[in-house]
Structure formats: structure tokens, C-alpha cells
Amino acid sequence: MNSLTDSKIPIKNLYYMLCYAWGHLAEKDMADVAREDEKDIKHLLTRILLVKLRSLIKRGFYREYKSYQKETGTLKGRILFQDSINTFSFKKGKMHCEFEEMNHGIVHN
């Protein structure tokens, strides 16, 4: 027996308790919990997820600089002369470089 789906606790009370437990009381009015089609906790949590994702997409994802080392034909960042000499990459018109780029693909996201 699933206690969340079979309980007689109103959905909006569960939502307010979750807001309190998660420390997001300021956002308690973000999702409309008084709607009539709200039958169970799964629909409520799905709507909360959608609302939070919309605001996150509008604000933008967290970005961070990531360090790369590769052999490239365009010079950028710091040139790694020792690696370039060891692999004779300068004869191919390329050099080993170490550089940083802004990236969304980080652990935080």
C-alpha cells in the first residue's frame, strides 16, 4: 500500500510541507496547487519540476571554464613547446596548446 497515493492529506498541504522541508518557502506560490485536476503527488511534483526548469532555462545554465590540451592549427592559450617539438607537430603546421573555454558541460549541471 502506497501511503502517499492512498492518504487523505490534501495535495496542497503536502506541497507546503515540501516547500518548508526544502527551504523554499518564498517559492510556495510558484506552482498553482489549488487546481482541480491535481489528483496525486506525481502530477504535483512533475508540475514543480517543469516550473523550475523553465526558470532555469530563462536564467541560463551555470557555465565554467574548462582546461583543454590539444594539437591545433590556430594558436590560442599557452603554447606547449616541449610537446610540439617531441611530436614534430610544427612540421605539419600545428602546435600543442593549452587553453580554457567556457563550457556548459560541467558536473554542476
PDB file of N, CA and C in Angstrom:
ATOM      1  N   MET A   1       0.835  -1.175   0.000  1.00  0.00           N
ATOM      2  CA  MET A   1       0.000   0.000   0.000  1.00  0.00           C
ATOM      3  C   MET A   1       0.883   1.243   0.000  1.00  0.00           C
ATOM      4  N   ASN A   2       0.688   2.115  -0.948  1.00  0.00           N
ATOM      5  CA  ASN A   2       1.477   3.333  -1.067  1.00  0.00           C
ATOM      6  C   ASN A   2       0.822   4.429  -0.239  1.00  0.00           C
ATOM      7  N   SER A   3       1.526   4.900   0.778  1.00  0.00           N
ATOM      8  CA  SER A   3       0.929   5.845   1.717  1.00  0.00           C
ATOM      9  C   SER A   3       0.703   7.227   1.108  1.00  0.00           C
ATOM     10  N   LEU A   4       1.503   7.620   0.108  1.00  0.00           N
ATOM     11  CA  LEU A   4       1.322   8.951  -0.484  1.00  0.00           C
ATOM     12  C   LEU A   4       0.117   9.022  -1.405  1.00  0.00           C
ATOM     13  N   THR A   5      -0.161   7.953  -2.115  1.00  0.00           N
ATOM     14  CA  THR A   5      -1.294   7.982  -3.038  1.00  0.00           C
ATOM     15  C   THR A   5      -2.608   7.631  -2.359  1.00  0.00           C
ATOM     16  N   ASP A   6      -2.560   6.865  -1.272  1.00  0.00           N
ATOM     17  CA  ASP A   6      -3.776   6.449  -0.590  1.00  0.00           C
ATOM     18  C   ASP A   6      -4.146   7.340   0.588  1.00  0.00           C
ATOM     19  N   SER A   7      -3.319   8.313   0.929  1.00  0.00           N
ATOM     20  CA  SER A   7      -3.588   9.124   2.106  1.00  0.00           C
ATOM     21  C   SER A   7      -4.673  10.160   1.827  1.00  0.00           C
ATOM     22  N   LYS A   8      -5.249  10.649   2.900  1.00  0.00           N
ATOM     23  CA  LYS A   8      -6.308  11.652   2.792  1.00  0.00           C
ATOM     24  C   LYS A   8      -5.764  13.064   2.983  1.00  0.00           C
ATOM     25  N   ILE A   9      -4.449  13.220   2.986  1.00  0.00           N
ATOM     26  CA  ILE A   9      -3.839  14.537   3.138  1.00  0.00           C
ATOM     27  C   ILE A   9      -4.001  15.289   1.821  1.00  0.00           C
ATOM     28  N   PRO A  10      -4.537  16.510   1.853  1.00  0.00           N
ATOM     29  CA  PRO A  10      -4.675  17.275   0.609  1.00  0.00           C
ATOM     30  C   PRO A  10      -3.316  17.543  -0.039  1.00  0.00           C
ATOM     31  N   ILE A  11      -3.309  17.552  -1.360  1.00  0.00           N
ATOM     32  CA  ILE A  11      -2.068  17.731  -2.121  1.00  0.00           C
ATOM     33  C   ILE A  11      -1.404  19.066  -1.784  1.00  0.00           C
ATOM     34  N   LYS A  12      -2.206  20.130  -1.634  1.00  0.00           N
ATOM     35  CA  LYS A  12      -1.594  21.431  -1.366  1.00  0.00           C
ATOM     36  C   LYS A  12      -0.903  21.450  -0.009  1.00  0.00           C
ATOM     37  N   ASN A  13      -1.401  20.681   0.970  1.00  0.00           N
ATOM     38  CA  ASN A  13      -0.710  20.600   2.253  1.00  0.00           C
ATOM     39  C   ASN A  13       0.630  19.896   2.119  1.00  0.00           C
ATOM     40  N   LEU A  14       0.666  18.827   1.300  1.00  0.00           N
ATOM     41  CA  LEU A  14       1.939  18.149   1.030  1.00  0.00           C
ATOM     42  C   LEU A  14       2.930  19.092   0.366  1.00  0.00           C
ATOM     43  N   TYR A  15       2.418  19.889  -0.570  1.00  0.00           N
ATOM     44  CA  TYR A  15       3.287  20.832  -1.281  1.00  0.00           C
ATOM     45  C   TYR A  15       3.878  21.859  -0.319  1.00  0.00           C
ATOM     46  N   TYR A  16       3.066  22.397   0.569  1.00  0.00           N
ATOM     47  CA  TYR A  16       3.571  23.395   1.525  1.00  0.00           C
ATOM     48  C   TYR A  16       4.561  22.774   2.501  1.00  0.00           C
ATOM     49  N   MET A  17       4.330  21.524   2.890  1.00  0.00           N
ATOM     50  CA  MET A  17       5.291  20.843   3.761  1.00  0.00           C
ATOM     51  C   MET A  17       6.617  20.604   3.039  1.00  0.00           C
ATOM     52  N   LEU A  18       6.532  20.242   1.753  1.00  0.00           N
ATOM     53  CA  LEU A  18       7.762  20.045   0.972  1.00  0.00           C
ATOM     54  C   LEU A  18       8.522  21.359   0.801  1.00  0.00           C
ATOM     55  N   CYS A  19       7.797  22.438   0.541  1.00  0.00           N
ATOM     56  CA  CYS A  19       8.454  23.747   0.423  1.00  0.00           C
ATOM     57  C   CYS A  19       9.182  24.096   1.716  1.00  0.00           C
ATOM     58  N   TYR A  20       8.543  23.821   2.836  1.00  0.00           N
ATOM     59  CA  TYR A  20       9.167  24.088   4.124  1.00  0.00           C
ATOM     60  C   TYR A  20      10.394  23.193   4.331  1.00  0.00           C
ATOM     61  N   ALA A  21      10.258  21.911   4.027  1.00  0.00           N
ATOM     62  CA  ALA A  21      11.355  20.966   4.230  1.00  0.00           C
ATOM     63  C   ALA A  21      12.543  21.273   3.327  1.00  0.00           C
ATOM     64  N   TRP A  22      12.281  21.710   2.091  1.00  0.00           N
ATOM     65  CA  TRP A  22      13.352  22.012   1.146  1.00  0.00           C
ATOM     66  C   TRP A  22      13.929  23.404   1.358  1.00  0.00           C
ATOM     67  N   GLY A  23      13.299  24.211   2.205  1.00  0.00           N
ATOM     68  CA  GLY A  23      13.790  25.568   2.456  1.00  0.00           C
ATOM     69  C   GLY A  23      13.447  26.542   1.348  1.00  0.00           C
ATOM     70  N   HIS A  24      12.319  26.341   0.667  1.00  0.00           N
ATOM     71  CA  HIS A  24      11.905  27.201  -0.446  1.00  0.00           C
ATOM     72  C   HIS A  24      10.529  27.816  -0.175  1.00  0.00           C
ATOM     73  N   LEU A  25      10.347  28.370   1.007  1.00  0.00           N
ATOM     74  CA  LEU A  25       9.052  28.954   1.339  1.00  0.00           C
ATOM     75  C   LEU A  25       8.723  30.161   0.460  1.00  0.00           C
ATOM     76  N   ALA A  26       9.724  30.886   0.007  1.00  0.00           N
ATOM     77  CA  ALA A  26       9.478  32.054  -0.847  1.00  0.00           C
ATOM     78  C   ALA A  26       8.889  31.639  -2.192  1.00  0.00           C
ATOM     79  N   GLU A  27       9.095  30.404  -2.602  1.00  0.00           N
ATOM     80  CA  GLU A  27       8.620  29.929  -3.904  1.00  0.00           C
ATOM     81  C   GLU A  27       7.331  29.115  -3.788  1.00  0.00           C
ATOM     82  N   LYS A  28       6.657  29.165  -2.651  1.00  0.00           N
ATOM     83  CA  LYS A  28       5.479  28.319  -2.449  1.00  0.00           C
ATOM     84  C   LYS A  28       4.323  28.663  -3.373  1.00  0.00           C
ATOM     85  N   ASP A  29       4.281  29.877  -3.889  1.00  0.00           N
ATOM     86  CA  ASP A  29       3.214  30.270  -4.803  1.00  0.00           C
ATOM     87  C   ASP A  29       3.596  30.083  -6.271  1.00  0.00           C
ATOM     88  N   MET A  30       4.757  29.502  -6.506  1.00  0.00           N
ATOM     89  CA  MET A  30       5.229  29.325  -7.869  1.00  0.00           C
ATOM     90  C   MET A  30       4.367  28.319  -8.644  1.00  0.00           C
ATOM     91  N   ALA A  31       3.957  27.238  -8.005  1.00  0.00           N
ATOM     92  CA  ALA A  31       3.106  26.237  -8.649  1.00  0.00           C
ATOM     93  C   ALA A  31       1.681  26.401  -8.129  1.00  0.00           C
ATOM     94  N   ASP A  32       0.722  26.343  -9.023  1.00  0.00           N
ATOM     95  CA  ASP A  32      -0.678  26.507  -8.660  1.00  0.00           C
ATOM     96  C   ASP A  32      -1.202  25.178  -8.129  1.00  0.00           C
ATOM     97  N   VAL A  33      -1.242  25.027  -6.799  1.00  0.00           N
ATOM     98  CA  VAL A  33      -1.655  23.752  -6.203  1.00  0.00           C
ATOM     99  C   VAL A  33      -3.153  23.689  -5.945  1.00  0.00           C
ATOM    100  N   ALA A  34      -3.859  24.755  -6.175  1.00  0.00           N
ATOM    101  CA  ALA A  34      -5.303  24.760  -5.931  1.00  0.00           C
ATOM    102  C   ALA A  34      -6.096  24.292  -7.146  1.00  0.00           C
ATOM    103  N   ARG A  35      -5.428  23.841  -8.184  1.00  0.00           N
ATOM    104  CA  ARG A  35      -6.131  23.384  -9.389  1.00  0.00           C
ATOM    105  C   ARG A  35      -6.940  22.137  -9.088  1.00  0.00           C
ATOM    106  N   GLU A  36      -8.004  21.984  -9.812  1.00  0.00           N
ATOM    107  CA  GLU A  36      -8.911  20.855  -9.577  1.00  0.00           C
ATOM    108  C   GLU A  36      -8.368  19.545 -10.152  1.00  0.00           C
ATOM    109  N   ASP A  37      -7.491  19.613 -11.175  1.00  0.00           N
ATOM    110  CA  ASP A  37      -7.010  18.383 -11.810  1.00  0.00           C
ATOM    111  C   ASP A  37      -5.832  17.756 -11.067  1.00  0.00           C
ATOM    112  N   GLU A  38      -5.445  18.327  -9.950  1.00  0.00           N
ATOM    113  CA  GLU A  38      -4.335  17.803  -9.166  1.00  0.00           C
ATOM    114  C   GLU A  38      -4.848  16.631  -8.329  1.00  0.00           C
ATOM    115  N   LYS A  39      -4.593  15.431  -8.783  1.00  0.00           N
ATOM    116  CA  LYS A  39      -5.130  14.246  -8.113  1.00  0.00           C
ATOM    117  C   LYS A  39      -4.104  13.537  -7.233  1.00  0.00           C
ATOM    118  N   ASP A  40      -2.839  13.594  -7.616  1.00  0.00           N
ATOM    119  CA  ASP A  40      -1.847  12.869  -6.835  1.00  0.00           C
ATOM    120  C   ASP A  40      -0.529  13.630  -6.806  1.00  0.00           C
ATOM    121  N   ILE A  41       0.370  13.109  -6.012  1.00  0.00           N
ATOM    122  CA  ILE A  41       1.655  13.773  -5.773  1.00  0.00           C
ATOM    123  C   ILE A  41       2.544  13.750  -7.011  1.00  0.00           C
ATOM    124  N   LYS A  42       2.394  12.717  -7.866  1.00  0.00           N
ATOM    125  CA  LYS A  42       3.228  12.635  -9.077  1.00  0.00           C
ATOM    126  C   LYS A  42       2.973  13.807 -10.009  1.00  0.00           C
ATOM    127  N   HIS A  43       1.712  14.169 -10.192  1.00  0.00           N
ATOM    128  CA  HIS A  43       1.391  15.309 -11.054  1.00  0.00           C
ATOM    129  C   HIS A  43       1.908  16.617 -10.458  1.00  0.00           C
ATOM    130  N   LEU A  44       1.794  16.750  -9.162  1.00  0.00           N
ATOM    131  CA  LEU A  44       2.276  17.953  -8.492  1.00  0.00           C
ATOM    132  C   LEU A  44       3.784  18.097  -8.641  1.00  0.00           C
ATOM    133  N   LEU A  45       4.515  17.028  -8.371  1.00  0.00           N
ATOM    134  CA  LEU A  45       5.978  17.084  -8.480  1.00  0.00           C
ATOM    135  C   LEU A  45       6.423  17.309  -9.919  1.00  0.00           C
ATOM    136  N   THR A  46       5.681  16.757 -10.875  1.00  0.00           N
ATOM    137  CA  THR A  46       6.004  16.990 -12.284  1.00  0.00           C
ATOM    138  C   THR A  46       5.818  18.460 -12.640  1.00  0.00           C
ATOM    139  N   ARG A  47       4.729  19.063 -12.153  1.00  0.00           N
ATOM    140  CA  ARG A  47       4.494  20.477 -12.444  1.00  0.00           C
ATOM    141  C   ARG A  47       5.557  21.361 -11.791  1.00  0.00           C
ATOM    142  N   ILE A  48       5.968  21.020 -10.567  1.00  0.00           N
ATOM    143  CA  ILE A  48       7.029  21.773  -9.895  1.00  0.00           C
ATOM    144  C   ILE A  48       8.323  21.675 -10.694  1.00  0.00           C
ATOM    145  N   LEU A  49       8.641  20.469 -11.167  1.00  0.00           N
ATOM    146  CA  LEU A  49       9.847  20.286 -11.978  1.00  0.00           C
ATOM    147  C   LEU A  49       9.799  21.139 -13.241  1.00  0.00           C
ATOM    148  N   LEU A  50       8.665  21.166 -13.914  1.00  0.00           N
ATOM    149  CA  LEU A  50       8.541  21.959 -15.139  1.00  0.00           C
ATOM    150  C   LEU A  50       8.684  23.448 -14.869  1.00  0.00           C
ATOM    151  N   VAL A  51       8.080  23.919 -13.796  1.00  0.00           N
ATOM    152  CA  VAL A  51       8.186  25.342 -13.454  1.00  0.00           C
ATOM    153  C   VAL A  51       9.633  25.718 -13.151  1.00  0.00           C
ATOM    154  N   LYS A  52      10.319  24.888 -12.369  1.00  0.00           N
ATOM    155  CA  LYS A  52      11.715  25.163 -12.025  1.00  0.00           C
ATOM    156  C   LYS A  52      12.627  25.076 -13.251  1.00  0.00           C
ATOM    157  N   LEU A  53      12.369  24.121 -14.152  1.00  0.00           N
ATOM    158  CA  LEU A  53      13.180  24.010 -15.366  1.00  0.00           C
ATOM    159  C   LEU A  53      12.999  25.223 -16.271  1.00  0.00           C
ATOM    160  N   ARG A  54      11.758  25.721 -16.396  1.00  0.00           N
ATOM    161  CA  ARG A  54      11.525  26.918 -17.206  1.00  0.00           C
ATOM    162  C   ARG A  54      12.313  28.100 -16.678  1.00  0.00           C
ATOM    163  N   SER A  55      12.291  28.295 -15.369  1.00  0.00           N
ATOM    164  CA  SER A  55      13.028  29.429 -14.802  1.00  0.00           C
ATOM    165  C   SER A  55      14.535  29.244 -14.961  1.00  0.00           C
ATOM    166  N   LEU A  56      15.010  28.004 -14.846  1.00  0.00           N
ATOM    167  CA  LEU A  56      16.433  27.737 -15.025  1.00  0.00           C
ATOM    168  C   LEU A  56      16.862  27.987 -16.466  1.00  0.00           C
ATOM    169  N   ILE A  57      16.044  27.600 -17.423  1.00  0.00           N
ATOM    170  CA  ILE A  57      16.374  27.811 -18.837  1.00  0.00           C
ATOM    171  C   ILE A  57      16.367  29.297 -19.162  1.00  0.00           C
ATOM    172  N   LYS A  58      15.418  30.052 -18.610  1.00  0.00           N
ATOM    173  CA  LYS A  58      15.395  31.501 -18.837  1.00  0.00           C
ATOM    174  C   LYS A  58      16.636  32.166 -18.262  1.00  0.00           C
ATOM    175  N   ARG A  59      17.014  31.759 -17.063  1.00  0.00           N
ATOM    176  CA  ARG A  59      18.170  32.356 -16.392  1.00  0.00           C
ATOM    177  C   ARG A  59      19.478  31.917 -17.042  1.00  0.00           C
ATOM    178  N   GLY A  60      19.508  30.712 -17.562  1.00  0.00           N
ATOM    179  CA  GLY A  60      20.716  30.179 -18.177  1.00  0.00           C
ATOM    180  C   GLY A  60      21.404  29.189 -17.259  1.00  0.00           C
ATOM    181  N   PHE A  61      22.020  28.207 -17.856  1.00  0.00           N
ATOM    182  CA  PHE A  61      22.716  27.197 -17.084  1.00  0.00           C
ATOM    183  C   PHE A  61      24.036  27.735 -16.582  1.00  0.00           C
ATOM    184  N   TYR A  62      24.529  27.130 -15.525  1.00  0.00           N
ATOM    185  CA  TYR A  62      25.801  27.519 -14.945  1.00  0.00           C
ATOM    186  C   TYR A  62      26.923  27.150 -15.916  1.00  0.00           C
ATOM    187  N   ARG A  63      27.847  28.074 -16.098  1.00  0.00           N
ATOM    188  CA  ARG A  63      28.971  27.824 -17.004  1.00  0.00           C
ATOM    189  C   ARG A  63      30.275  27.976 -16.240  1.00  0.00           C
ATOM    190  N   GLU A  64      31.289  27.321 -16.754  1.00  0.00           N
ATOM    191  CA  GLU A  64      32.582  27.351 -16.106  1.00  0.00           C
ATOM    192  C   GLU A  64      33.672  27.151 -17.156  1.00  0.00           C
ATOM    193  N   TYR A  65      34.849  27.689 -16.882  1.00  0.00           N
ATOM    194  CA  TYR A  65      35.972  27.473 -17.787  1.00  0.00           C
ATOM    195  C   TYR A  65      36.525  26.075 -17.589  1.00  0.00           C
ATOM    196  N   LYS A  66      36.770  25.397 -18.702  1.00  0.00           N
ATOM    197  CA  LYS A  66      37.355  24.064 -18.691  1.00  0.00           C
ATOM    198  C   LYS A  66      38.676  24.108 -19.429  1.00  0.00           C
ATOM    199  N   SER A  67      39.669  23.438 -18.906  1.00  0.00           N
ATOM    200  CA  SER A  67      41.002  23.439 -19.495  1.00  0.00           C
ATOM    201  C   SER A  67      41.135  22.322 -20.527  1.00  0.00           C
ATOM    202  N   TYR A  68      41.734  22.656 -21.659  1.00  0.00           N
ATOM    203  CA  TYR A  68      41.953  21.689 -22.745  1.00  0.00           C
ATOM    204  C   TYR A  68      43.408  21.723 -23.176  1.00  0.00           C
ATOM    205  N   GLN A  69      43.912  20.590 -23.625  1.00  0.00           N
ATOM    206  CA  GLN A  69      45.228  20.492 -24.265  1.00  0.00           C
ATOM    207  C   GLN A  69      45.042  19.724 -25.551  1.00  0.00           C
ATOM    208  N   LYS A  70      45.394  20.368 -26.675  1.00  0.00           N
ATOM    209  CA  LYS A  70      45.294  19.640 -27.934  1.00  0.00           C
ATOM    210  C   LYS A  70      46.193  20.266 -28.986  1.00  0.00           C
ATOM    211  N   GLU A  71      46.394  19.489 -30.026  1.00  0.00           N
ATOM    212  CA  GLU A  71      47.199  19.940 -31.156  1.00  0.00           C
ATOM    213  C   GLU A  71      46.263  20.678 -32.113  1.00  0.00           C
ATOM    214  N   THR A  72      46.593  21.917 -32.405  1.00  0.00           N
ATOM    215  CA  THR A  72      45.699  22.736 -33.217  1.00  0.00           C
ATOM    216  C   THR A  72      46.485  23.564 -34.230  1.00  0.00           C
ATOM    217  N   GLY A  73      45.803  23.917 -35.295  1.00  0.00           N
ATOM    218  CA  GLY A  73      46.421  24.741 -36.327  1.00  0.00           C
ATOM    219  C   GLY A  73      46.327  26.235 -36.024  1.00  0.00           C
ATOM    220  N   THR A  74      45.480  26.613 -35.098  1.00  0.00           N
ATOM    221  CA  THR A  74      45.367  28.017 -34.682  1.00  0.00           C
ATOM    222  C   THR A  74      45.925  28.151 -33.277  1.00  0.00           C
ATOM    223  N   LEU A  75      46.757  29.128 -33.079  1.00  0.00           N
ATOM    224  CA  LEU A  75      47.379  29.313 -31.774  1.00  0.00           C
ATOM    225  C   LEU A  75      46.413  30.005 -30.832  1.00  0.00           C
ATOM    226  N   LYS A  76      46.262  29.418 -29.676  1.00  0.00           N
ATOM    227  CA  LYS A  76      45.461  30.045 -28.633  1.00  0.00           C
ATOM    228  C   LYS A  76      45.919  29.516 -27.287  1.00  0.00           C
ATOM    229  N   GLY A  77      45.838  30.367 -26.289  1.00  0.00           N
ATOM    230  CA  GLY A  77      46.262  29.970 -24.956  1.00  0.00           C
ATOM    231  C   GLY A  77      47.771  29.891 -24.842  1.00  0.00           C
ATOM    232  N   ARG A  78      48.232  28.918 -24.095  1.00  0.00           N
ATOM    233  CA  ARG A  78      49.664  28.733 -23.860  1.00  0.00           C
ATOM    234  C   ARG A  78      50.200  27.660 -24.807  1.00  0.00           C
ATOM    235  N   ILE A  79      51.287  27.966 -25.475  1.00  0.00           N
ATOM    236  CA  ILE A  79      51.898  27.011 -26.411  1.00  0.00           C
ATOM    237  C   ILE A  79      52.794  26.062 -25.627  1.00  0.00           C
ATOM    238  N   LEU A  80      52.611  24.771 -25.851  1.00  0.00           N
ATOM    239  CA  LEU A  80      53.425  23.747 -25.194  1.00  0.00           C
ATOM    240  C   LEU A  80      54.556  23.358 -26.148  1.00  0.00           C
ATOM    241  N   PHE A  81      55.667  24.069 -26.036  1.00  0.00           N
ATOM    242  CA  PHE A  81      56.779  23.882 -26.971  1.00  0.00           C
ATOM    243  C   PHE A  81      57.384  22.487 -26.866  1.00  0.00           C
ATOM    244  N   GLN A  82      57.543  21.981 -25.648  1.00  0.00           N
ATOM    245  CA  GLN A  82      58.185  20.676 -25.485  1.00  0.00           C
ATOM    246  C   GLN A  82      57.373  19.575 -26.164  1.00  0.00           C
ATOM    247  N   ASP A  83      56.059  19.590 -25.995  1.00  0.00           N
ATOM    248  CA  ASP A  83      55.210  18.590 -26.643  1.00  0.00           C
ATOM    249  C   ASP A  83      55.232  18.748 -28.160  1.00  0.00           C
ATOM    250  N   SER A  84      55.253  19.983 -28.641  1.00  0.00           N
ATOM    251  CA  SER A  84      55.284  20.230 -30.082  1.00  0.00           C
ATOM    252  C   SER A  84      56.591  19.754 -30.708  1.00  0.00           C
ATOM    253  N   ILE A  85      57.679  19.957 -29.995  1.00  0.00           N
ATOM    254  CA  ILE A  85      58.988  19.519 -30.501  1.00  0.00           C
ATOM    255  C   ILE A  85      59.079  17.996 -30.473  1.00  0.00           C
ATOM    256  N   ASN A  86      58.588  17.379 -29.415  1.00  0.00           N
ATOM    257  CA  ASN A  86      58.663  15.915 -29.283  1.00  0.00           C
ATOM    258  C   ASN A  86      57.863  15.199 -30.370  1.00  0.00           C
ATOM    259  N   THR A  87      56.751  15.759 -30.806  1.00  0.00           N
ATOM    260  CA  THR A  87      55.910  15.099 -31.809  1.00  0.00           C
ATOM    261  C   THR A  87      56.105  15.673 -33.217  1.00  0.00           C
ATOM    262  N   PHE A  88      57.004  16.632 -33.381  1.00  0.00           N
ATOM    263  CA  PHE A  88      57.264  17.290 -34.671  1.00  0.00           C
ATOM    264  C   PHE A  88      55.982  17.860 -35.288  1.00  0.00           C
ATOM    265  N   SER A  89      55.091  18.334 -34.448  1.00  0.00           N
ATOM    266  CA  SER A  89      53.821  18.857 -34.959  1.00  0.00           C
ATOM    267  C   SER A  89      54.012  20.178 -35.710  1.00  0.00           C
ATOM    268  N   PHE A  90      55.082  20.907 -35.431  1.00  0.00           N
ATOM    269  CA  PHE A  90      55.331  22.177 -36.134  1.00  0.00           C
ATOM    270  C   PHE A  90      55.613  21.940 -37.610  1.00  0.00           C
ATOM    271  N   LYS A  91      56.065  20.726 -37.981  1.00  0.00           N
ATOM    272  CA  LYS A  91      56.291  20.426 -39.393  1.00  0.00           C
ATOM    273  C   LYS A  91      54.980  20.242 -40.143  1.00  0.00           C
ATOM    274  N   LYS A  92      53.904  19.934 -39.412  1.00  0.00           N
ATOM    275  CA  LYS A  92      52.571  19.806 -40.013  1.00  0.00           C
ATOM    276  C   LYS A  92      51.813  21.128 -39.957  1.00  0.00           C
ATOM    277  N   GLY A  93      52.438  22.176 -39.447  1.00  0.00           N
ATOM    278  CA  GLY A  93      51.768  23.470 -39.322  1.00  0.00           C
ATOM    279  C   GLY A  93      50.843  23.541 -38.120  1.00  0.00           C
ATOM    280  N   LYS A  94      51.120  22.714 -37.125  1.00  0.00           N
ATOM    281  CA  LYS A  94      50.290  22.698 -35.918  1.00  0.00           C
ATOM    282  C   LYS A  94      51.178  22.800 -34.695  1.00  0.00           C
ATOM    283  N   MET A  95      50.565  23.176 -33.579  1.00  0.00           N
ATOM    284  CA  MET A  95      51.294  23.261 -32.313  1.00  0.00           C
ATOM    285  C   MET A  95      50.393  22.713 -31.208  1.00  0.00           C
ATOM    286  N   HIS A  96      51.009  22.213 -30.174  1.00  0.00           N
ATOM    287  CA  HIS A  96      50.260  21.783 -28.987  1.00  0.00           C
ATOM    288  C   HIS A  96      49.995  23.015 -28.136  1.00  0.00           C
ATOM    289  N   CYS A  97      48.739  23.213 -27.777  1.00  0.00           N
ATOM    290  CA  CYS A  97      48.345  24.373 -26.980  1.00  0.00           C
ATOM    291  C   CYS A  97      47.518  23.932 -25.783  1.00  0.00           C
ATOM    292  N   GLU A  98      47.605  24.726 -24.740  1.00  0.00           N
ATOM    293  CA  GLU A  98      46.770  24.542 -23.557  1.00  0.00           C
ATOM    294  C   GLU A  98      45.934  25.804 -23.412  1.00  0.00           C
ATOM    295  N   PHE A  99      44.613  25.641 -23.387  1.00  0.00           N
ATOM    296  CA  PHE A  99      43.722  26.797 -23.331  1.00  0.00           C
ATOM    297  C   PHE A  99      42.466  26.452 -22.545  1.00  0.00           C
ATOM    298  N   GLU A 100      41.715  27.485 -22.197  1.00  0.00           N
ATOM    299  CA  GLU A 100      40.465  27.309 -21.464  1.00  0.00           C
ATOM    300  C   GLU A 100      39.317  27.845 -22.294  1.00  0.00           C
ATOM    301  N   GLU A 101      38.180  27.151 -22.235  1.00  0.00           N
ATOM    302  CA  GLU A 101      36.973  27.588 -22.920  1.00  0.00           C
ATOM    303  C   GLU A 101      35.801  27.532 -21.957  1.00  0.00           C
ATOM    304  N   MET A 102      34.858  28.468 -22.137  1.00  0.00           N
ATOM    305  CA  MET A 102      33.644  28.473 -21.343  1.00  0.00           C
ATOM    306  C   MET A 102      32.771  27.311 -21.813  1.00  0.00           C
ATOM    307  N   ASN A 103      32.236  26.543 -20.852  1.00  0.00           N
ATOM    308  CA  ASN A 103      31.556  25.323 -21.193  1.00  0.00           C
ATOM    309  C   ASN A 103      30.347  25.099 -20.284  1.00  0.00           C
ATOM    310  N   HIS A 104      29.251  24.593 -20.845  1.00  0.00           N
ATOM    311  CA  HIS A 104      28.072  24.223 -20.063  1.00  0.00           C
ATOM    312  C   HIS A 104      28.155  22.798 -19.550  1.00  0.00           C
ATOM    313  N   GLY A 105      28.970  21.966 -20.173  1.00  0.00           N
ATOM    314  CA  GLY A 105      29.046  20.545 -19.820  1.00  0.00           C
ATOM    315  C   GLY A 105      29.928  20.304 -18.606  1.00  0.00           C
ATOM    316  N   ILE A 106      29.423  20.684 -17.443  1.00  0.00           N
ATOM    317  CA  ILE A 106      30.181  20.503 -16.211  1.00  0.00           C
ATOM    318  C   ILE A 106      29.366  19.665 -15.237  1.00  0.00           C
ATOM    319  N   VAL A 107      29.981  19.229 -14.183  1.00  0.00           N
ATOM    320  CA  VAL A 107      29.345  18.342 -13.211  1.00  0.00           C
ATOM    321  C   VAL A 107      28.155  19.043 -12.532  1.00  0.00           C
ATOM    322  N   HIS A 108      28.261  20.329 -12.295  1.00  0.00           N
ATOM    323  CA  HIS A 108      27.201  21.083 -11.610  1.00  0.00           C
ATOM    324  C   HIS A 108      25.872  20.973 -12.357  1.00  0.00           C
ATOM    325  N   ASN A 109      25.906  21.007 -13.675  1.00  0.00           N
ATOM    326  CA  ASN A 109      24.666  20.933 -14.465  1.00  0.00           C
ATOM    327  C   ASN A 109      24.184  19.506 -14.559  1.00  0.00           C
TER     328      ASN A 109
END
